[in-house]
């Protein structure tokens, strides 16, 4: 089991970015749901067709151990277990002919599936 100091050192310099389009969509969704705080949590879970999958959730408050990244006043919460898998990623909100969704550009992913929510690492 890692102690807090080791965990902090392992996470040093890792960041996840929230695009302005994603921040605007989080703000819009939070307003629709009458949420007082604009916080999007992104987690990585085991599963999906490629090994890992992204989970998105609007939350009222981040957990104490979450790392927080902010864009245009909107906070992005990432737990310390997911951060090494997401470090350097950008969360964007993309509108296309087939629909709109949050999508992650993840430099750590060596492959992903067609749905865009599942990935594998090398």
PDB file of N, CA and C in Angstrom:
ATOM      1  N   UNK A   1       0.848  -1.201   0.000  1.00  0.00           N
ATOM      2  CA  UNK A   1       0.000   0.000   0.000  1.00  0.00           C
ATOM      3  C   UNK A   1       0.880   1.247   0.000  1.00  0.00           C
ATOM      4  N   UNK A   2       0.536   2.221  -0.856  1.00  0.00           N
ATOM      5  CA  UNK A   2       1.328   3.438  -0.939  1.00  0.00           C
ATOM      6  C   UNK A   2       0.899   4.413   0.141  1.00  0.00           C
ATOM      7  N   UNK A   3       1.882   5.139   0.677  1.00  0.00           N
ATOM      8  CA  UNK A   3       1.516   6.201   1.607  1.00  0.00           C
ATOM      9  C   UNK A   3       1.189   7.459   0.810  1.00  0.00           C
ATOM     10  N   UNK A   4       0.663   8.485   1.485  1.00  0.00           N
ATOM     11  CA  UNK A   4       0.231   9.700   0.800  1.00  0.00           C
ATOM     12  C   UNK A   4       1.371  10.399   0.073  1.00  0.00           C
ATOM     13  N   UNK A   5       2.575  10.409   0.651  1.00  0.00           N
ATOM     14  CA  UNK A   5       3.707  11.073   0.041  1.00  0.00           C
ATOM     15  C   UNK A   5       4.059  10.406  -1.282  1.00  0.00           C
ATOM     16  N   UNK A   6       4.085   9.086  -1.310  1.00  0.00           N
ATOM     17  CA  UNK A   6       4.393   8.362  -2.536  1.00  0.00           C
ATOM     18  C   UNK A   6       3.325   8.639  -3.589  1.00  0.00           C
ATOM     19  N   UNK A   7       2.084   8.627  -3.199  1.00  0.00           N
ATOM     20  CA  UNK A   7       0.990   8.898  -4.124  1.00  0.00           C
ATOM     21  C   UNK A   7       1.130  10.295  -4.707  1.00  0.00           C
ATOM     22  N   UNK A   8       1.426  11.292  -3.861  1.00  0.00           N
ATOM     23  CA  UNK A   8       1.581  12.658  -4.341  1.00  0.00           C
ATOM     24  C   UNK A   8       2.725  12.769  -5.338  1.00  0.00           C
ATOM     25  N   UNK A   9       3.843  12.089  -5.079  1.00  0.00           N
ATOM     26  CA  UNK A   9       4.978  12.143  -5.987  1.00  0.00           C
ATOM     27  C   UNK A   9       4.642  11.494  -7.325  1.00  0.00           C
ATOM     28  N   UNK A  10       3.907  10.396  -7.306  1.00  0.00           N
ATOM     29  CA  UNK A  10       3.533   9.710  -8.538  1.00  0.00           C
ATOM     30  C   UNK A  10       2.601  10.559  -9.397  1.00  0.00           C
ATOM     31  N   UNK A  11       1.833  11.429  -8.789  1.00  0.00           N
ATOM     32  CA  UNK A  11       0.848  12.231  -9.513  1.00  0.00           C
ATOM     33  C   UNK A  11       1.372  13.612  -9.879  1.00  0.00           C
ATOM     34  N   UNK A  12       2.574  13.934  -9.420  1.00  0.00           N
ATOM     35  CA  UNK A  12       3.135  15.261  -9.662  1.00  0.00           C
ATOM     36  C   UNK A  12       3.200  15.559 -11.155  1.00  0.00           C
ATOM     37  N   UNK A  13       2.670  16.686 -11.529  1.00  0.00           N
ATOM     38  CA  UNK A  13       2.734  17.140 -12.916  1.00  0.00           C
ATOM     39  C   UNK A  13       1.666  16.572 -13.840  1.00  0.00           C
ATOM     40  N   UNK A  14       0.885  15.617 -13.367  1.00  0.00           N
ATOM     41  CA  UNK A  14      -0.173  15.067 -14.216  1.00  0.00           C
ATOM     42  C   UNK A  14      -1.371  16.002 -14.211  1.00  0.00           C
ATOM     43  N   UNK A  15      -1.880  16.284 -15.382  1.00  0.00           N
ATOM     44  CA  UNK A  15      -3.047  17.159 -15.504  1.00  0.00           C
ATOM     45  C   UNK A  15      -4.029  16.576 -16.500  1.00  0.00           C
ATOM     46  N   UNK A  16      -5.283  16.934 -16.323  1.00  0.00           N
ATOM     47  CA  UNK A  16      -6.336  16.622 -17.281  1.00  0.00           C
ATOM     48  C   UNK A  16      -6.996  17.946 -17.628  1.00  0.00           C
ATOM     49  N   UNK A  17      -7.177  18.196 -18.900  1.00  0.00           N
ATOM     50  CA  UNK A  17      -7.703  19.480 -19.350  1.00  0.00           C
ATOM     51  C   UNK A  17      -9.174  19.351 -19.738  1.00  0.00           C
ATOM     52  N   UNK A  18      -9.908  20.388 -19.473  1.00  0.00           N
ATOM     53  CA  UNK A  18     -11.314  20.489 -19.850  1.00  0.00           C
ATOM     54  C   UNK A  18     -11.397  21.576 -20.911  1.00  0.00           C
ATOM     55  N   UNK A  19     -11.859  21.224 -22.095  1.00  0.00           N
ATOM     56  CA  UNK A  19     -11.935  22.217 -23.171  1.00  0.00           C
ATOM     57  C   UNK A  19     -13.005  23.259 -22.846  1.00  0.00           C
ATOM     58  N   UNK A  20     -12.911  24.437 -23.438  1.00  0.00           N
ATOM     59  CA  UNK A  20     -13.966  25.437 -23.243  1.00  0.00           C
ATOM     60  C   UNK A  20     -15.347  24.919 -23.656  1.00  0.00           C
ATOM     61  N   UNK A  21     -15.429  24.109 -24.722  1.00  0.00           N
ATOM     62  CA  UNK A  21     -16.721  23.551 -25.148  1.00  0.00           C
ATOM     63  C   UNK A  21     -17.279  22.605 -24.092  1.00  0.00           C
ATOM     64  N   UNK A  22     -16.417  21.787 -23.478  1.00  0.00           N
ATOM     65  CA  UNK A  22     -16.864  20.877 -22.425  1.00  0.00           C
ATOM     66  C   UNK A  22     -17.291  21.659 -21.194  1.00  0.00           C
ATOM     67  N   UNK A  23     -16.541  22.695 -20.854  1.00  0.00           N
ATOM     68  CA  UNK A  23     -16.902  23.518 -19.694  1.00  0.00           C
ATOM     69  C   UNK A  23     -18.266  24.174 -19.908  1.00  0.00           C
ATOM     70  N   UNK A  24     -18.503  24.669 -21.110  1.00  0.00           N
ATOM     71  CA  UNK A  24     -19.794  25.299 -21.408  1.00  0.00           C
ATOM     72  C   UNK A  24     -20.930  24.285 -21.311  1.00  0.00           C
ATOM     73  N   UNK A  25     -20.701  23.053 -21.760  1.00  0.00           N
ATOM     74  CA  UNK A  25     -21.747  22.031 -21.686  1.00  0.00           C
ATOM     75  C   UNK A  25     -22.009  21.619 -20.238  1.00  0.00           C
ATOM     76  N   UNK A  26     -20.967  21.496 -19.433  1.00  0.00           N
ATOM     77  CA  UNK A  26     -21.155  21.177 -18.007  1.00  0.00           C
ATOM     78  C   UNK A  26     -21.971  22.282 -17.346  1.00  0.00           C
ATOM     79  N   UNK A  27     -21.617  23.528 -17.633  1.00  0.00           N
ATOM     80  CA  UNK A  27     -22.364  24.663 -17.062  1.00  0.00           C
ATOM     81  C   UNK A  27     -23.840  24.589 -17.471  1.00  0.00           C
ATOM     82  N   UNK A  28     -24.108  24.287 -18.732  1.00  0.00           N
ATOM     83  CA  UNK A  28     -25.485  24.185 -19.238  1.00  0.00           C
ATOM     84  C   UNK A  28     -26.239  23.055 -18.535  1.00  0.00           C
ATOM     85  N   UNK A  29     -25.615  21.879 -18.418  1.00  0.00           N
ATOM     86  CA  UNK A  29     -26.264  20.743 -17.757  1.00  0.00           C
ATOM     87  C   UNK A  29     -26.531  21.020 -16.284  1.00  0.00           C
ATOM     88  N   UNK A  30     -25.579  21.647 -15.617  1.00  0.00           N
ATOM     89  CA  UNK A  30     -25.759  21.958 -14.194  1.00  0.00           C
ATOM     90  C   UNK A  30     -26.885  22.972 -14.001  1.00  0.00           C
ATOM     91  N   UNK A  31     -26.994  23.920 -14.908  1.00  0.00           N
ATOM     92  CA  UNK A  31     -28.087  24.895 -14.831  1.00  0.00           C
ATOM     93  C   UNK A  31     -29.431  24.201 -15.025  1.00  0.00           C
ATOM     94  N   UNK A  32     -29.505  23.273 -16.000  1.00  0.00           N
ATOM     95  CA  UNK A  32     -30.746  22.535 -16.244  1.00  0.00           C
ATOM     96  C   UNK A  32     -31.155  21.707 -15.040  1.00  0.00           C
ATOM     97  N   UNK A  33     -30.175  21.170 -14.323  1.00  0.00           N
ATOM     98  CA  UNK A  33     -30.453  20.338 -13.156  1.00  0.00           C
ATOM     99  C   UNK A  33     -30.481  21.135 -11.859  1.00  0.00           C
ATOM    100  N   UNK A  34     -30.367  22.463 -11.963  1.00  0.00           N
ATOM    101  CA  UNK A  34     -30.381  23.360 -10.806  1.00  0.00           C
ATOM    102  C   UNK A  34     -29.326  22.974  -9.769  1.00  0.00           C
ATOM    103  N   UNK A  35     -28.138  22.644 -10.253  1.00  0.00           N
ATOM    104  CA  UNK A  35     -27.024  22.321  -9.355  1.00  0.00           C
ATOM    105  C   UNK A  35     -26.309  23.614  -8.976  1.00  0.00           C
ATOM    106  N   UNK A  36     -25.938  23.709  -7.720  1.00  0.00           N
ATOM    107  CA  UNK A  36     -25.259  24.906  -7.235  1.00  0.00           C
ATOM    108  C   UNK A  36     -23.807  24.966  -7.717  1.00  0.00           C
ATOM    109  N   UNK A  37     -23.174  23.805  -7.881  1.00  0.00           N
ATOM    110  CA  UNK A  37     -21.769  23.761  -8.283  1.00  0.00           C
ATOM    111  C   UNK A  37     -21.634  23.091  -9.641  1.00  0.00           C
ATOM    112  N   UNK A  38     -20.662  23.552 -10.398  1.00  0.00           N
ATOM    113  CA  UNK A  38     -20.416  23.020 -11.732  1.00  0.00           C
ATOM    114  C   UNK A  38     -19.184  22.133 -11.679  1.00  0.00           C
ATOM    115  N   UNK A  39     -19.410  20.830 -11.431  1.00  0.00           N
ATOM    116  CA  UNK A  39     -18.308  19.879 -11.286  1.00  0.00           C
ATOM    117  C   UNK A  39     -18.609  18.636 -12.124  1.00  0.00           C
ATOM    118  N   UNK A  40     -17.673  18.277 -12.986  1.00  0.00           N
ATOM    119  CA  UNK A  40     -17.749  17.050 -13.764  1.00  0.00           C
ATOM    120  C   UNK A  40     -16.686  16.101 -13.224  1.00  0.00           C
ATOM    121  N   UNK A  41     -17.100  14.890 -12.849  1.00  0.00           N
ATOM    122  CA  UNK A  41     -16.137  13.869 -12.412  1.00  0.00           C
ATOM    123  C   UNK A  41     -15.899  12.929 -13.581  1.00  0.00           C
ATOM    124  N   UNK A  42     -14.631  12.646 -13.829  1.00  0.00           N
ATOM    125  CA  UNK A  42     -14.236  11.663 -14.821  1.00  0.00           C
ATOM    126  C   UNK A  42     -13.456  10.580 -14.093  1.00  0.00           C
ATOM    127  N   UNK A  43     -13.870   9.341 -14.288  1.00  0.00           N
ATOM    128  CA  UNK A  43     -13.194   8.200 -13.679  1.00  0.00           C
ATOM    129  C   UNK A  43     -12.867   7.183 -14.758  1.00  0.00           C
ATOM    130  N   UNK A  44     -11.882   6.352 -14.472  1.00  0.00           N
ATOM    131  CA  UNK A  44     -11.563   5.222 -15.328  1.00  0.00           C
ATOM    132  C   UNK A  44     -11.937   3.965 -14.556  1.00  0.00           C
ATOM    133  N   UNK A  45     -12.697   3.101 -15.209  1.00  0.00           N
ATOM    134  CA  UNK A  45     -13.108   1.835 -14.607  1.00  0.00           C
ATOM    135  C   UNK A  45     -12.641   0.696 -15.493  1.00  0.00           C
ATOM    136  N   UNK A  46     -12.441  -0.457 -14.900  1.00  0.00           N
ATOM    137  CA  UNK A  46     -12.149  -1.643 -15.684  1.00  0.00           C
ATOM    138  C   UNK A  46     -13.396  -2.053 -16.439  1.00  0.00           C
ATOM    139  N   UNK A  47     -13.213  -2.555 -17.648  1.00  0.00           N
ATOM    140  CA  UNK A  47     -14.357  -3.010 -18.432  1.00  0.00           C
ATOM    141  C   UNK A  47     -14.364  -2.403 -19.807  1.00  0.00           C
ATOM    142  N   UNK A  48     -15.488  -2.465 -20.439  1.00  0.00           N
ATOM    143  CA  UNK A  48     -15.605  -1.976 -21.804  1.00  0.00           C
ATOM    144  C   UNK A  48     -14.983  -2.970 -22.767  1.00  0.00           C
ATOM    145  N   UNK A  49     -15.074  -2.688 -24.030  1.00  0.00           N
ATOM    146  CA  UNK A  49     -14.573  -3.643 -25.019  1.00  0.00           C
ATOM    147  C   UNK A  49     -13.069  -3.559 -25.223  1.00  0.00           C
ATOM    148  N   UNK A  50     -12.390  -2.562 -24.629  1.00  0.00           N
ATOM    149  CA  UNK A  50     -10.943  -2.442 -24.805  1.00  0.00           C
ATOM    150  C   UNK A  50     -10.156  -2.588 -23.504  1.00  0.00           C
ATOM    151  N   UNK A  51     -10.811  -2.831 -22.383  1.00  0.00           N
ATOM    152  CA  UNK A  51     -10.094  -3.031 -21.119  1.00  0.00           C
ATOM    153  C   UNK A  51     -10.412  -2.005 -20.052  1.00  0.00           C
ATOM    154  N   UNK A  52     -10.482  -0.738 -20.437  1.00  0.00           N
ATOM    155  CA  UNK A  52     -10.851   0.340 -19.518  1.00  0.00           C
ATOM    156  C   UNK A  52     -11.975   1.137 -20.161  1.00  0.00           C
ATOM    157  N   UNK A  53     -12.758   1.801 -19.316  1.00  0.00           N
ATOM    158  CA  UNK A  53     -13.798   2.670 -19.849  1.00  0.00           C
ATOM    159  C   UNK A  53     -13.894   3.935 -19.013  1.00  0.00           C
ATOM    160  N   UNK A  54     -14.317   5.019 -19.661  1.00  0.00           N
ATOM    161  CA  UNK A  54     -14.498   6.302 -18.997  1.00  0.00           C
ATOM    162  C   UNK A  54     -15.888   6.371 -18.387  1.00  0.00           C
ATOM    163  N   UNK A  55     -15.969   6.998 -17.239  1.00  0.00           N
ATOM    164  CA  UNK A  55     -17.260   7.247 -16.603  1.00  0.00           C
ATOM    165  C   UNK A  55     -17.340   8.745 -16.325  1.00  0.00           C
ATOM    166  N   UNK A  56     -18.425   9.362 -16.774  1.00  0.00           N
ATOM    167  CA  UNK A  56     -18.671  10.790 -16.565  1.00  0.00           C
ATOM    168  C   UNK A  56     -19.840  10.944 -15.613  1.00  0.00           C
ATOM    169  N   UNK A  57     -19.725  11.903 -14.694  1.00  0.00           N
ATOM    170  CA  UNK A  57     -20.801  12.129 -13.731  1.00  0.00           C
ATOM    171  C   UNK A  57     -20.768  13.580 -13.261  1.00  0.00           C
ATOM    172  N   UNK A  58     -21.939  14.227 -13.240  1.00  0.00           N
ATOM    173  CA  UNK A  58     -22.046  15.538 -12.614  1.00  0.00           C
ATOM    174  C   UNK A  58     -22.191  15.322 -11.119  1.00  0.00           C
ATOM    175  N   UNK A  59     -21.407  16.054 -10.340  1.00  0.00           N
ATOM    176  CA  UNK A  59     -21.449  15.899  -8.886  1.00  0.00           C
ATOM    177  C   UNK A  59     -21.586  17.261  -8.230  1.00  0.00           C
ATOM    178  N   UNK A  60     -22.044  17.243  -6.979  1.00  0.00           N
ATOM    179  CA  UNK A  60     -22.188  18.497  -6.249  1.00  0.00           C
ATOM    180  C   UNK A  60     -20.868  18.959  -5.637  1.00  0.00           C
ATOM    181  N   UNK A  61     -20.104  18.012  -5.108  1.00  0.00           N
ATOM    182  CA  UNK A  61     -18.826  18.334  -4.484  1.00  0.00           C
ATOM    183  C   UNK A  61     -17.814  17.238  -4.781  1.00  0.00           C
ATOM    184  N   UNK A  62     -16.569  17.608  -5.080  1.00  0.00           N
ATOM    185  CA  UNK A  62     -15.543  16.587  -5.257  1.00  0.00           C
ATOM    186  C   UNK A  62     -15.229  15.915  -3.921  1.00  0.00           C
ATOM    187  N   UNK A  63     -14.685  14.714  -3.992  1.00  0.00           N
ATOM    188  CA  UNK A  63     -14.201  14.035  -2.796  1.00  0.00           C
ATOM    189  C   UNK A  63     -12.913  14.699  -2.324  1.00  0.00           C
ATOM    190  N   UNK A  64     -12.567  14.508  -1.073  1.00  0.00           N
ATOM    191  CA  UNK A  64     -11.372  15.134  -0.515  1.00  0.00           C
ATOM    192  C   UNK A  64     -10.100  14.753  -1.262  1.00  0.00           C
ATOM    193  N   UNK A  65     -10.028  13.518  -1.754  1.00  0.00           N
ATOM    194  CA  UNK A  65      -8.798  13.062  -2.407  1.00  0.00           C
ATOM    195  C   UNK A  65      -8.749  13.392  -3.903  1.00  0.00           C
ATOM    196  N   UNK A  66      -9.844  13.900  -4.471  1.00  0.00           N
ATOM    197  CA  UNK A  66      -9.878  14.225  -5.895  1.00  0.00           C
ATOM    198  C   UNK A  66      -8.887  15.335  -6.236  1.00  0.00           C
ATOM    199  N   UNK A  67      -8.346  15.249  -7.430  1.00  0.00           N
ATOM    200  CA  UNK A  67      -7.541  16.334  -7.972  1.00  0.00           C
ATOM    201  C   UNK A  67      -8.474  17.166  -8.827  1.00  0.00           C
ATOM    202  N   UNK A  68      -8.362  18.478  -8.738  1.00  0.00           N
ATOM    203  CA  UNK A  68      -9.300  19.387  -9.389  1.00  0.00           C
ATOM    204  C   UNK A  68      -8.582  20.203 -10.446  1.00  0.00           C
ATOM    205  N   UNK A  69      -9.178  20.254 -11.617  1.00  0.00           N
ATOM    206  CA  UNK A  69      -8.681  21.059 -12.726  1.00  0.00           C
ATOM    207  C   UNK A  69      -9.830  21.970 -13.145  1.00  0.00           C
ATOM    208  N   UNK A  70      -9.535  23.214 -13.486  1.00  0.00           N
ATOM    209  CA  UNK A  70     -10.609  24.176 -13.726  1.00  0.00           C
ATOM    210  C   UNK A  70     -10.451  24.873 -15.075  1.00  0.00           C
ATOM    211  N   UNK A  71     -11.574  25.058 -15.746  1.00  0.00           N
ATOM    212  CA  UNK A  71     -11.641  25.807 -16.995  1.00  0.00           C
ATOM    213  C   UNK A  71     -12.875  26.689 -16.952  1.00  0.00           C
ATOM    214  N   UNK A  72     -12.687  27.972 -17.131  1.00  0.00           N
ATOM    215  CA  UNK A  72     -13.794  28.927 -17.175  1.00  0.00           C
ATOM    216  C   UNK A  72     -14.727  28.784 -15.970  1.00  0.00           C
ATOM    217  N   UNK A  73     -14.169  28.512 -14.800  1.00  0.00           N
ATOM    218  CA  UNK A  73     -14.957  28.391 -13.575  1.00  0.00           C
ATOM    219  C   UNK A  73     -15.616  27.039 -13.364  1.00  0.00           C
ATOM    220  N   UNK A  74     -15.498  26.126 -14.316  1.00  0.00           N
ATOM    221  CA  UNK A  74     -16.064  24.783 -14.205  1.00  0.00           C
ATOM    222  C   UNK A  74     -14.949  23.852 -13.745  1.00  0.00           C
ATOM    223  N   UNK A  75     -15.250  23.053 -12.724  1.00  0.00           N
ATOM    224  CA  UNK A  75     -14.231  22.155 -12.177  1.00  0.00           C
ATOM    225  C   UNK A  75     -14.380  20.743 -12.742  1.00  0.00           C
ATOM    226  N   UNK A  76     -13.234  20.123 -12.963  1.00  0.00           N
ATOM    227  CA  UNK A  76     -13.133  18.739 -13.398  1.00  0.00           C
ATOM    228  C   UNK A  76     -12.469  17.984 -12.254  1.00  0.00           C
ATOM    229  N   UNK A  77     -13.146  16.964 -11.730  1.00  0.00           N
ATOM    230  CA  UNK A  77     -12.625  16.173 -10.619  1.00  0.00           C
ATOM    231  C   UNK A  77     -12.149  14.820 -11.150  1.00  0.00           C
ATOM    232  N   UNK A  78     -10.939  14.440 -10.749  1.00  0.00           N
ATOM    233  CA  UNK A  78     -10.361  13.154 -11.145  1.00  0.00           C
ATOM    234  C   UNK A  78      -9.808  12.498  -9.891  1.00  0.00           C
ATOM    235  N   UNK A  79     -10.175  11.243  -9.671  1.00  0.00           N
ATOM    236  CA  UNK A  79      -9.671  10.548  -8.489  1.00  0.00           C
ATOM    237  C   UNK A  79      -8.210  10.148  -8.717  1.00  0.00           C
ATOM    238  N   UNK A  80      -7.442   9.953  -7.640  1.00  0.00           N
ATOM    239  CA  UNK A  80      -6.017   9.660  -7.777  1.00  0.00           C
ATOM    240  C   UNK A  80      -5.706   8.321  -8.437  1.00  0.00           C
ATOM    241  N   UNK A  81      -6.636   7.384  -8.461  1.00  0.00           N
ATOM    242  CA  UNK A  81      -6.412   6.105  -9.136  1.00  0.00           C
ATOM    243  C   UNK A  81      -6.538   6.281 -10.651  1.00  0.00           C
ATOM    244  N   UNK A  82      -7.467   7.126 -11.088  1.00  0.00           N
ATOM    245  CA  UNK A  82      -7.687   7.350 -12.521  1.00  0.00           C
ATOM    246  C   UNK A  82      -6.662   8.292 -13.143  1.00  0.00           C
ATOM    247  N   UNK A  83      -6.095   9.195 -12.345  1.00  0.00           N
ATOM    248  CA  UNK A  83      -5.225  10.230 -12.905  1.00  0.00           C
ATOM    249  C   UNK A  83      -4.039   9.679 -13.698  1.00  0.00           C
ATOM    250  N   UNK A  84      -3.330   8.642 -13.254  1.00  0.00           N
ATOM    251  CA  UNK A  84      -2.218   8.146 -14.073  1.00  0.00           C
ATOM    252  C   UNK A  84      -2.661   7.642 -15.453  1.00  0.00           C
ATOM    253  N   UNK A  85      -3.890   7.177 -15.564  1.00  0.00           N
ATOM    254  CA  UNK A  85      -4.416   6.709 -16.844  1.00  0.00           C
ATOM    255  C   UNK A  85      -4.940   7.853 -17.712  1.00  0.00           C
ATOM    256  N   UNK A  86      -5.200   9.001 -17.081  1.00  0.00           N
ATOM    257  CA  UNK A  86      -5.767  10.147 -17.784  1.00  0.00           C
ATOM    258  C   UNK A  86      -4.795  11.305 -17.963  1.00  0.00           C
ATOM    259  N   UNK A  87      -3.631  11.255 -17.315  1.00  0.00           N
ATOM    260  CA  UNK A  87      -2.678  12.360 -17.352  1.00  0.00           C
ATOM    261  C   UNK A  87      -2.382  12.814 -18.776  1.00  0.00           C
ATOM    262  N   UNK A  88      -2.505  14.109 -19.030  1.00  0.00           N
ATOM    263  CA  UNK A  88      -2.264  14.674 -20.350  1.00  0.00           C
ATOM    264  C   UNK A  88      -3.478  14.668 -21.257  1.00  0.00           C
ATOM    265  N   UNK A  89      -4.591  14.129 -20.776  1.00  0.00           N
ATOM    266  CA  UNK A  89      -5.806  14.029 -21.587  1.00  0.00           C
ATOM    267  C   UNK A  89      -6.560  15.349 -21.644  1.00  0.00           C
ATOM    268  N   UNK A  90      -7.415  15.452 -22.651  1.00  0.00           N
ATOM    269  CA  UNK A  90      -8.331  16.577 -22.776  1.00  0.00           C
ATOM    270  C   UNK A  90      -9.744  16.032 -22.878  1.00  0.00           C
ATOM    271  N   UNK A  91     -10.626  16.553 -22.028  1.00  0.00           N
ATOM    272  CA  UNK A  91     -12.046  16.223 -22.087  1.00  0.00           C
ATOM    273  C   UNK A  91     -12.699  17.310 -22.934  1.00  0.00           C
ATOM    274  N   UNK A  92     -13.376  16.890 -23.992  1.00  0.00           N
ATOM    275  CA  UNK A  92     -14.012  17.832 -24.910  1.00  0.00           C
ATOM    276  C   UNK A  92     -15.497  17.470 -25.036  1.00  0.00           C
ATOM    277  N   UNK A  93     -16.276  18.384 -25.527  1.00  0.00           N
ATOM    278  CA  UNK A  93     -17.668  18.114 -25.861  1.00  0.00           C
ATOM    279  C   UNK A  93     -17.788  18.296 -27.353  1.00  0.00           C
ATOM    280  N   UNK A  94     -18.175  17.211 -28.044  1.00  0.00           N
ATOM    281  CA  UNK A  94     -18.168  17.193 -29.502  1.00  0.00           C
ATOM    282  C   UNK A  94     -19.587  16.987 -30.017  1.00  0.00           C
ATOM    283  N   UNK A  95     -19.969  17.821 -30.975  1.00  0.00           N
ATOM    284  CA  UNK A  95     -21.261  17.698 -31.633  1.00  0.00           C
ATOM    285  C   UNK A  95     -20.987  17.258 -33.074  1.00  0.00           C
ATOM    286  N   UNK A  96     -21.611  16.141 -33.458  1.00  0.00           N
ATOM    287  CA  UNK A  96     -21.425  15.628 -34.821  1.00  0.00           C
ATOM    288  C   UNK A  96     -22.788  15.267 -35.407  1.00  0.00           C
ATOM    289  N   UNK A  97     -22.782  14.763 -36.617  1.00  0.00           N
ATOM    290  CA  UNK A  97     -24.033  14.386 -37.274  1.00  0.00           C
ATOM    291  C   UNK A  97     -24.746  13.245 -36.554  1.00  0.00           C
ATOM    292  N   UNK A  98     -24.010  12.392 -35.857  1.00  0.00           N
ATOM    293  CA  UNK A  98     -24.617  11.248 -35.186  1.00  0.00           C
ATOM    294  C   UNK A  98     -24.945  11.517 -33.716  1.00  0.00           C
ATOM    295  N   UNK A  99     -24.648  12.708 -33.227  1.00  0.00           N
ATOM    296  CA  UNK A  99     -24.988  13.034 -31.847  1.00  0.00           C
ATOM    297  C   UNK A  99     -23.936  13.901 -31.198  1.00  0.00           C
ATOM    298  N   UNK A 100     -24.100  14.115 -29.914  1.00  0.00           N
ATOM    299  CA  UNK A 100     -23.178  14.935 -29.139  1.00  0.00           C
ATOM    300  C   UNK A 100     -22.781  14.169 -27.884  1.00  0.00           C
ATOM    301  N   UNK A 101     -21.508  14.339 -27.480  1.00  0.00           N
ATOM    302  CA  UNK A 101     -21.048  13.624 -26.285  1.00  0.00           C
ATOM    303  C   UNK A 101     -19.739  14.207 -25.776  1.00  0.00           C
ATOM    304  N   UNK A 102     -19.460  13.909 -24.513  1.00  0.00           N
ATOM    305  CA  UNK A 102     -18.148  14.188 -23.963  1.00  0.00           C
ATOM    306  C   UNK A 102     -17.201  13.140 -24.530  1.00  0.00           C
ATOM    307  N   UNK A 103     -16.035  13.573 -24.971  1.00  0.00           N
ATOM    308  CA  UNK A 103     -15.027  12.660 -25.500  1.00  0.00           C
ATOM    309  C   UNK A 103     -13.673  13.016 -24.914  1.00  0.00           C
ATOM    310  N   UNK A 104     -12.834  12.011 -24.755  1.00  0.00           N
ATOM    311  CA  UNK A 104     -11.513  12.211 -24.184  1.00  0.00           C
ATOM    312  C   UNK A 104     -10.453  11.894 -25.220  1.00  0.00           C
ATOM    313  N   UNK A 105      -9.542  12.828 -25.413  1.00  0.00           N
ATOM    314  CA  UNK A 105      -8.338  12.579 -26.197  1.00  0.00           C
ATOM    315  C   UNK A 105      -7.266  12.220 -25.184  1.00  0.00           C
ATOM    316  N   UNK A 106      -6.875  10.943 -25.176  1.00  0.00           N
ATOM    317  CA  UNK A 106      -5.992  10.408 -24.141  1.00  0.00           C
ATOM    318  C   UNK A 106      -4.675   9.938 -24.764  1.00  0.00           C
ATOM    319  N   UNK A 107      -3.563  10.634 -24.472  1.00  0.00           N
ATOM    320  CA  UNK A 107      -2.278  10.225 -25.038  1.00  0.00           C
ATOM    321  C   UNK A 107      -1.765   8.896 -24.477  1.00  0.00           C
ATOM    322  N   UNK A 108      -2.352   8.411 -23.399  1.00  0.00           N
ATOM    323  CA  UNK A 108      -1.938   7.142 -22.790  1.00  0.00           C
ATOM    324  C   UNK A 108      -2.603   5.939 -23.445  1.00  0.00           C
ATOM    325  N   UNK A 109      -3.657   6.164 -24.197  1.00  0.00           N
ATOM    326  CA  UNK A 109      -4.398   5.074 -24.832  1.00  0.00           C
ATOM    327  C   UNK A 109      -3.677   4.625 -26.098  1.00  0.00           C
ATOM    328  N   UNK A 110      -3.438   3.315 -26.212  1.00  0.00           N
ATOM    329  CA  UNK A 110      -2.814   2.786 -27.423  1.00  0.00           C
ATOM    330  C   UNK A 110      -3.870   2.323 -28.419  1.00  0.00           C
ATOM    331  N   UNK A 111      -5.067   2.078 -27.936  1.00  0.00           N
ATOM    332  CA  UNK A 111      -6.170   1.738 -28.827  1.00  0.00           C
ATOM    333  C   UNK A 111      -7.477   2.088 -28.125  1.00  0.00           C
ATOM    334  N   UNK A 112      -8.508   2.242 -28.917  1.00  0.00           N
ATOM    335  CA  UNK A 112      -9.844   2.495 -28.371  1.00  0.00           C
ATOM    336  C   UNK A 112     -10.857   1.859 -29.282  1.00  0.00           C
ATOM    337  N   UNK A 113     -12.065   1.716 -28.763  1.00  0.00           N
ATOM    338  CA  UNK A 113     -13.109   1.089 -29.566  1.00  0.00           C
ATOM    339  C   UNK A 113     -13.899   2.159 -30.303  1.00  0.00           C
ATOM    340  N   UNK A 114     -14.801   1.743 -31.131  1.00  0.00           N
ATOM    341  CA  UNK A 114     -15.595   2.651 -31.937  1.00  0.00           C
ATOM    342  C   UNK A 114     -16.509   3.556 -31.126  1.00  0.00           C
ATOM    343  N   UNK A 115     -16.896   3.105 -29.919  1.00  0.00           N
ATOM    344  CA  UNK A 115     -17.823   3.916 -29.118  1.00  0.00           C
ATOM    345  C   UNK A 115     -17.128   5.127 -28.512  1.00  0.00           C
ATOM    346  N   UNK A 116     -15.792   5.102 -28.400  1.00  0.00           N
ATOM    347  CA  UNK A 116     -15.047   6.230 -27.861  1.00  0.00           C
ATOM    348  C   UNK A 116     -14.998   6.308 -26.366  1.00  0.00           C
ATOM    349  N   UNK A 117     -15.633   5.368 -25.669  1.00  0.00           N
ATOM    350  CA  UNK A 117     -15.604   5.400 -24.204  1.00  0.00           C
ATOM    351  C   UNK A 117     -14.768   4.286 -23.616  1.00  0.00           C
ATOM    352  N   UNK A 118     -14.182   3.454 -24.453  1.00  0.00           N
ATOM    353  CA  UNK A 118     -13.383   2.330 -23.991  1.00  0.00           C
ATOM    354  C   UNK A 118     -12.003   2.407 -24.616  1.00  0.00           C
ATOM    355  N   UNK A 119     -10.968   2.069 -23.833  1.00  0.00           N
ATOM    356  CA  UNK A 119      -9.593   2.187 -24.341  1.00  0.00           C
ATOM    357  C   UNK A 119      -8.691   1.174 -23.671  1.00  0.00           C
ATOM    358  N   UNK A 120      -7.501   0.998 -24.242  1.00  0.00           N
ATOM    359  CA  UNK A 120      -6.480   0.158 -23.623  1.00  0.00           C
ATOM    360  C   UNK A 120      -5.175   0.944 -23.591  1.00  0.00           C
ATOM    361  N   UNK A 121      -4.292   0.536 -22.682  1.00  0.00           N
ATOM    362  CA  UNK A 121      -2.991   1.184 -22.560  1.00  0.00           C
ATOM    363  C   UNK A 121      -1.905   0.150 -22.853  1.00  0.00           C
ATOM    364  N   UNK A 122      -0.706   0.644 -23.173  1.00  0.00           N
ATOM    365  CA  UNK A 122       0.399  -0.254 -23.543  1.00  0.00           C
ATOM    366  C   UNK A 122       1.181  -0.779 -22.401  1.00  0.00           C
TER     367      UNK A 122
END
